[in-house]
């Protein structure tokens, strides 16, 4: 395997961005095509500026879940690729290490790179991949080394959803207060620069609407068909750690915003994290566990 590091993140063709990985002490690079939202998030983590960047919060959620399992990221490995009609898709594995064992999480390259940069873990590429998809890079380092993330266009709608830092919950904070209602159905409607997510109970007496930015709305839509790669990775991490995700709960946040929590168990212990509602909903859809909402944030349907 060949050790690599990020050399640049810059716009590419067809609205994609390119994360350029450079082999250490080499002129060989491996271009990883990512979409705009993924490029923004990886650049935000790389530049150590995560404010208002949607997917960066999702990757940070993965980091906290790993920490809650008393584990760490050993390395990320770009291990395969396949050609599609639009771009080259790279597959990867993340090695998770605990005191007792280690296991691999299968994901796409974007998730592996983001998590490795966030946790300062090394990134490797299988030799056959870099031999077939690698390119020659300039010796003088003339490639742009920084990419300014578009925080204005991709910031969350503050009236409905605040950019909530992921936070480990105490045991009392994980408890249900008895006013939660289980939400069953999810509808998605897209606008020019945002999406509206609607949930209601099985009797359709109560409804909840969430206005999200496009990246978060698309993530929830992918979660409905279990195609959100970061949340598939999250499910693998929890399951391989002998834990079980129990539920997602959408709650009232501060200053007329909404928050959410994910709760899972391992043996007789319960763990929880506060996170964005879009992450909690997508994680629950991916793992096929219940979604609840506090009654105080719902409105009645006549």
Protein backbone atom coordinates (compact mmCIF):
# COMPACT_ATOMS: atom_id res chain seq x y z
CA UNK A 1 0.00 0.00 0.00
CA UNK A 2 1.07 3.58 -0.68
CA UNK A 3 0.66 6.32 1.90
CA UNK A 4 -0.98 9.51 0.59
CA UNK A 5 -2.15 12.89 1.84
CA UNK A 6 -4.48 15.57 0.50
CA UNK A 7 -2.68 17.83 -1.96
CA UNK A 8 -5.59 20.01 -3.08
CA UNK A 9 -9.36 20.34 -3.32
CA UNK A 10 -10.61 22.21 -6.37
CA UNK A 11 -13.52 22.40 -8.84
CA UNK A 12 -13.67 19.79 -11.59
CA UNK A 13 -15.97 19.04 -14.51
CA UNK A 14 -19.77 18.55 -14.44
CA UNK A 15 -20.30 20.24 -11.04
CA UNK A 16 -17.96 17.78 -9.34
CA UNK A 17 -14.96 18.65 -7.22
CA UNK A 18 -11.65 16.81 -7.08
CA UNK A 19 -9.84 15.80 -3.91
CA UNK A 20 -6.28 15.24 -5.08
CA UNK A 21 -4.31 12.71 -3.05
CA UNK A 22 -0.54 12.81 -3.49
CA UNK A 23 1.72 9.87 -2.75
CA UNK A 24 4.34 10.85 -0.20
CA UNK A 25 7.64 11.98 -1.72
CA UNK A 26 6.28 11.31 -5.19
CA UNK A 27 4.89 13.08 -8.26
CA UNK A 28 1.99 10.64 -8.46
CA UNK A 29 -1.50 11.78 -7.54
CA UNK A 30 -4.89 10.10 -7.32
CA UNK A 31 -7.88 12.35 -8.18
CA UNK A 32 -11.03 11.50 -6.19
CA UNK A 33 -14.19 13.06 -7.71
CA UNK A 34 -16.73 14.23 -5.11
CA UNK A 35 -19.90 16.28 -5.36
CA UNK A 36 -20.17 19.90 -4.20
CA UNK A 37 -21.50 19.07 -0.74
CA UNK A 38 -18.83 16.43 -0.11
CA UNK A 39 -16.12 18.77 -1.38
CA UNK A 40 -17.29 21.55 0.93
CA UNK A 41 -17.30 19.24 3.95
CA UNK A 42 -13.88 17.67 3.32
CA UNK A 43 -12.37 21.10 2.63
CA UNK A 44 -13.90 22.46 5.85
CA UNK A 45 -12.34 19.64 7.86
CA UNK A 46 -9.03 19.95 6.03
CA UNK A 47 -8.95 23.71 6.63
CA UNK A 48 -10.09 23.16 10.24
CA UNK A 49 -13.13 25.38 9.66
CA UNK A 50 -16.33 23.41 10.20
CA UNK A 51 -18.79 26.30 10.73
CA UNK A 52 -22.09 25.89 8.87
CA UNK A 53 -20.91 23.06 6.62
CA UNK A 54 -23.56 20.35 6.59
CA UNK A 55 -21.76 17.08 5.93
CA UNK A 56 -18.84 18.07 8.16
CA UNK A 57 -21.24 17.67 11.11
CA UNK A 58 -22.12 14.19 9.85
CA UNK A 59 -18.47 13.17 9.68
CA UNK A 60 -17.92 14.61 13.16
CA UNK A 61 -20.88 12.52 14.35
CA UNK A 62 -19.02 9.42 13.13
CA UNK A 63 -15.96 10.52 15.08
CA UNK A 64 -17.96 10.87 18.30
CA UNK A 65 -19.71 7.51 17.84
CA UNK A 66 -16.29 5.86 17.45
CA UNK A 67 -15.06 7.63 20.59
CA UNK A 68 -18.17 6.48 22.49
CA UNK A 69 -17.27 2.90 21.59
CA UNK A 70 -13.82 3.49 23.14
CA UNK A 71 -12.27 2.99 19.73
CA UNK A 72 -10.13 4.97 17.28
CA UNK A 73 -9.50 5.18 13.55
CA UNK A 74 -6.38 3.20 12.69
CA UNK A 75 -6.21 4.07 9.00
CA UNK A 76 -8.25 4.65 5.86
CA UNK A 77 -7.56 2.56 2.76
CA UNK A 78 -8.69 3.44 -0.78
CA UNK A 79 -9.05 -0.11 -2.05
CA UNK A 80 -11.12 -0.24 -5.25
CA UNK A 81 -12.83 1.75 -7.98
CA UNK A 82 -15.57 1.39 -10.54
CA UNK A 83 -16.56 3.43 -13.57
CA UNK A 84 -19.99 5.03 -13.84
CA UNK A 85 -21.56 7.18 -16.52
CA UNK A 86 -20.68 10.35 -14.56
CA UNK A 87 -17.48 9.70 -12.65
CA UNK A 88 -15.11 7.18 -11.14
CA UNK A 89 -16.38 5.86 -7.79
CA UNK A 90 -13.70 4.81 -5.31
CA UNK A 91 -14.37 2.29 -2.56
CA UNK A 92 -12.58 2.26 0.77
CA UNK A 93 -12.32 0.65 4.17
CA UNK A 94 -11.76 2.26 7.55
CA UNK A 95 -9.88 0.26 10.17
CA UNK A 96 -11.40 0.78 13.62
CA UNK A 97 -9.22 -0.22 16.56
CA UNK A 98 -10.29 -0.97 20.14
CA UNK A 99 -8.36 -2.27 23.12
CA UNK A 100 -9.65 -5.78 22.46
CA UNK A 101 -10.06 -6.07 18.70
CA UNK A 102 -10.15 -4.29 15.35
CA UNK A 103 -12.60 -4.36 12.47
CA UNK A 104 -13.15 -2.79 9.07
CA UNK A 105 -15.97 -0.50 7.95
CA UNK A 106 -16.76 -0.53 4.23
CA UNK A 107 -17.60 2.86 2.72
CA UNK A 108 -16.82 5.16 -0.17
CA UNK A 109 -13.57 7.10 -0.42
CA UNK A 110 -15.17 10.40 0.58
CA UNK A 111 -16.23 9.11 4.01
CA UNK A 112 -12.86 7.42 4.59
CA UNK A 113 -10.88 10.53 3.65
CA UNK A 114 -13.02 12.88 5.74
CA UNK A 115 -12.88 10.67 8.82
CA UNK A 116 -9.13 10.11 8.45
CA UNK A 117 -8.44 13.85 8.18
CA UNK A 118 -10.78 14.57 11.10
CA UNK A 119 -9.05 12.03 13.35
CA UNK A 120 -5.56 12.60 11.92
CA UNK A 121 -5.32 8.96 10.82
CA UNK A 122 -3.11 7.94 7.87
CA UNK A 123 -4.57 7.38 4.40
CA UNK A 124 -3.31 4.60 2.15
CA UNK A 125 -4.09 3.54 -1.42
CA UNK A 126 -3.81 -0.01 -2.74
CA UNK A 127 -1.00 -0.09 -5.32
CA UNK A 128 -3.16 -1.49 -8.12
CA UNK A 129 -5.62 1.42 -7.76
CA UNK A 130 -2.97 4.12 -7.95
CA UNK A 131 -1.26 2.34 -10.84
CA UNK A 132 -4.45 2.33 -12.91
CA UNK A 133 -6.00 5.66 -11.86
CA UNK A 134 -2.99 7.72 -10.77
CA UNK A 135 -1.72 10.80 -12.66
CA UNK A 136 1.54 12.75 -12.71
CA UNK A 137 1.54 15.94 -10.63
CA UNK A 138 3.70 19.07 -10.99
CA UNK A 139 6.94 19.07 -9.02
CA UNK A 140 6.67 22.71 -7.99
CA UNK A 141 3.41 22.29 -6.05
CA UNK A 142 1.52 24.74 -8.28
CA UNK A 143 -1.83 23.03 -7.62
CA UNK A 144 -4.15 25.12 -5.47
CA UNK A 145 -3.70 23.96 -1.91
CA UNK A 146 -6.76 25.51 -0.32
CA UNK A 147 -10.39 25.69 -1.29
CA UNK A 148 -12.69 28.25 0.32
CA UNK A 149 -15.89 26.55 1.40
CA UNK A 150 -19.14 28.22 0.47
CA UNK A 151 -20.53 28.71 3.95
CA UNK A 152 -23.19 31.18 2.88
CA UNK A 153 -24.89 28.97 0.30
CA UNK A 154 -24.75 25.83 2.43
CA UNK A 155 -25.52 27.19 5.88
CA UNK A 156 -28.55 25.80 7.64
CA UNK A 157 -31.88 27.62 7.80
CA UNK A 158 -31.62 29.25 11.22
CA UNK A 159 -35.37 29.66 11.69
CA UNK A 160 -35.97 25.92 11.67
CA UNK A 161 -32.66 24.27 12.36
CA UNK A 162 -29.52 25.52 14.05
CA UNK A 163 -26.02 24.27 13.28
CA UNK A 164 -25.85 22.20 16.44
CA UNK A 165 -22.44 20.88 17.45
CA UNK A 166 -22.56 17.14 18.08
CA UNK A 167 -22.47 16.49 21.82
CA UNK A 168 -22.26 13.47 24.09
CA UNK A 169 -25.37 13.20 26.27
CA UNK A 170 -25.51 12.32 29.93
CA UNK A 171 -27.74 9.44 31.04
CA UNK A 172 -30.61 11.69 32.26
CA UNK A 173 -30.57 13.58 28.94
CA UNK A 174 -31.23 10.33 27.05
CA UNK A 175 -34.42 9.58 28.95
CA UNK A 176 -37.83 9.94 27.31
CA UNK A 177 -40.21 12.38 29.06
CA UNK A 178 -43.42 10.58 28.08
CA UNK A 179 -44.64 13.14 25.55
CA UNK A 180 -42.90 11.68 22.52
CA UNK A 181 -44.93 10.43 19.56
CA UNK A 182 -43.62 7.88 17.11
CA UNK A 183 -43.37 9.25 13.59
CA UNK A 184 -44.01 6.89 10.71
CA UNK A 185 -43.98 8.45 7.25
CA UNK A 186 -41.53 10.82 5.62
CA UNK A 187 -42.17 13.05 2.63
CA UNK A 188 -39.61 15.20 0.83
CA UNK A 189 -40.24 18.28 -1.29
CA UNK A 190 -37.44 20.22 -2.97
CA UNK A 191 -37.20 23.95 -3.62
CA UNK A 192 -34.48 25.97 -5.35
CA UNK A 193 -32.00 25.96 -2.48
CA UNK A 194 -33.64 23.91 0.27
CA UNK A 195 -35.79 20.88 1.01
CA UNK A 196 -38.85 20.33 3.19
CA UNK A 197 -39.00 17.08 5.18
CA UNK A 198 -42.38 16.14 6.66
CA UNK A 199 -43.07 13.43 9.21
CA UNK A 200 -46.39 12.30 10.71
CA UNK A 201 -47.66 9.61 13.02
CA UNK A 202 -49.38 6.49 11.66
CA UNK A 203 -52.85 7.96 12.33
CA UNK A 204 -51.86 11.25 10.67
CA UNK A 205 -53.00 13.25 13.68
CA UNK A 206 -49.64 14.95 14.21
CA UNK A 207 -47.13 16.36 11.75
CA UNK A 208 -43.65 17.84 11.83
CA UNK A 209 -42.00 19.88 9.08
CA UNK A 210 -38.24 20.46 8.81
CA UNK A 211 -36.78 22.93 6.33
CA UNK A 212 -33.22 21.83 5.54
CA UNK A 213 -30.51 22.82 3.14
CA UNK A 214 -30.17 20.75 -0.02
CA UNK A 215 -27.34 18.56 1.27
CA UNK A 216 -29.27 17.58 4.41
CA UNK A 217 -32.53 16.98 2.50
CA UNK A 218 -30.76 14.81 -0.05
CA UNK A 219 -29.09 12.88 2.78
CA UNK A 220 -32.49 12.05 4.30
CA UNK A 221 -33.78 10.94 0.91
CA UNK A 222 -30.78 8.63 0.53
CA UNK A 223 -31.45 7.30 4.01
CA UNK A 224 -34.94 6.18 2.94
CA UNK A 225 -33.31 3.68 0.54
CA UNK A 226 -30.33 3.05 2.83
CA UNK A 227 -27.96 4.78 0.40
CA UNK A 228 -26.45 7.41 2.71
CA UNK A 229 -22.87 6.22 2.90
CA UNK A 230 -21.85 8.10 6.08
CA UNK A 231 -24.86 6.66 7.93
CA UNK A 232 -24.24 3.18 6.56
CA UNK A 233 -20.77 3.53 8.05
CA UNK A 234 -22.30 4.71 11.33
CA UNK A 235 -24.54 1.62 11.46
CA UNK A 236 -21.57 -0.65 10.78
CA UNK A 237 -19.53 0.97 13.56
CA UNK A 238 -22.32 0.54 16.10
CA UNK A 239 -23.11 -3.04 15.06
CA UNK A 240 -19.47 -4.17 14.87
CA UNK A 241 -18.94 -2.73 18.36
CA UNK A 242 -21.60 -5.14 19.65
CA UNK A 243 -24.01 -2.27 20.17
CA UNK A 244 -27.56 -1.66 18.96
CA UNK A 245 -29.06 1.63 17.80
CA UNK A 246 -32.40 2.00 19.56
CA UNK A 247 -34.07 5.20 18.40
CA UNK A 248 -33.84 8.76 17.15
CA UNK A 249 -35.70 11.50 19.03
CA UNK A 250 -36.35 14.98 17.63
CA UNK A 251 -36.60 17.54 20.40
CA UNK A 252 -37.05 21.24 20.97
CA UNK A 253 -33.76 23.09 20.91
CA UNK A 254 -32.77 26.58 21.96
CA UNK A 255 -34.04 29.81 20.42
CA UNK A 256 -36.87 28.23 18.41
CA UNK A 257 -34.67 25.60 16.81
CA UNK A 258 -34.88 21.83 16.72
CA UNK A 259 -32.35 19.36 17.97
CA UNK A 260 -32.20 15.56 18.02
CA UNK A 261 -30.60 12.69 19.83
CA UNK A 262 -29.49 9.21 18.87
CA UNK A 263 -29.62 6.52 21.55
CA UNK A 264 -28.01 3.09 21.44
CA UNK A 265 -27.16 0.35 23.91
CA UNK A 266 -24.26 -1.99 24.52
CA UNK A 267 -24.76 -4.77 27.05
CA UNK A 268 -26.47 -3.00 29.97
CA UNK A 269 -25.17 0.46 29.15
CA UNK A 270 -26.95 3.23 27.25
CA UNK A 271 -25.22 5.86 25.10
CA UNK A 272 -26.51 8.96 23.39
CA UNK A 273 -25.44 11.88 21.24
CA UNK A 274 -27.08 15.18 20.44
CA UNK A 275 -26.94 15.89 16.71
CA UNK A 276 -28.73 17.51 13.78
CA UNK A 277 -32.28 16.27 13.15
CA UNK A 278 -31.31 15.36 9.57
CA UNK A 279 -28.50 13.10 10.84
CA UNK A 280 -30.75 11.47 13.45
CA UNK A 281 -33.53 10.82 10.92
CA UNK A 282 -31.13 9.43 8.31
CA UNK A 283 -29.38 7.20 10.85
CA UNK A 284 -32.74 5.83 12.04
CA UNK A 285 -33.92 5.18 8.48
CA UNK A 286 -30.66 3.44 7.62
CA UNK A 287 -30.77 1.21 10.71
CA UNK A 288 -34.56 0.76 10.53
CA UNK A 289 -35.19 1.93 14.10
CA UNK A 290 -38.04 4.13 15.40
CA UNK A 291 -38.14 7.91 15.06
CA UNK A 292 -39.88 9.87 17.84
CA UNK A 293 -40.68 13.56 18.20
CA UNK A 294 -41.64 15.55 21.25
CA UNK A 295 -45.30 16.50 21.17
CA UNK A 296 -44.46 20.17 21.88
CA UNK A 297 -42.83 20.59 18.45
CA UNK A 298 -45.65 18.93 16.48
CA UNK A 299 -48.79 20.50 15.09
CA UNK A 300 -52.18 18.86 14.96
CA UNK A 301 -53.71 17.86 11.63
CA UNK A 302 -57.43 18.56 11.31
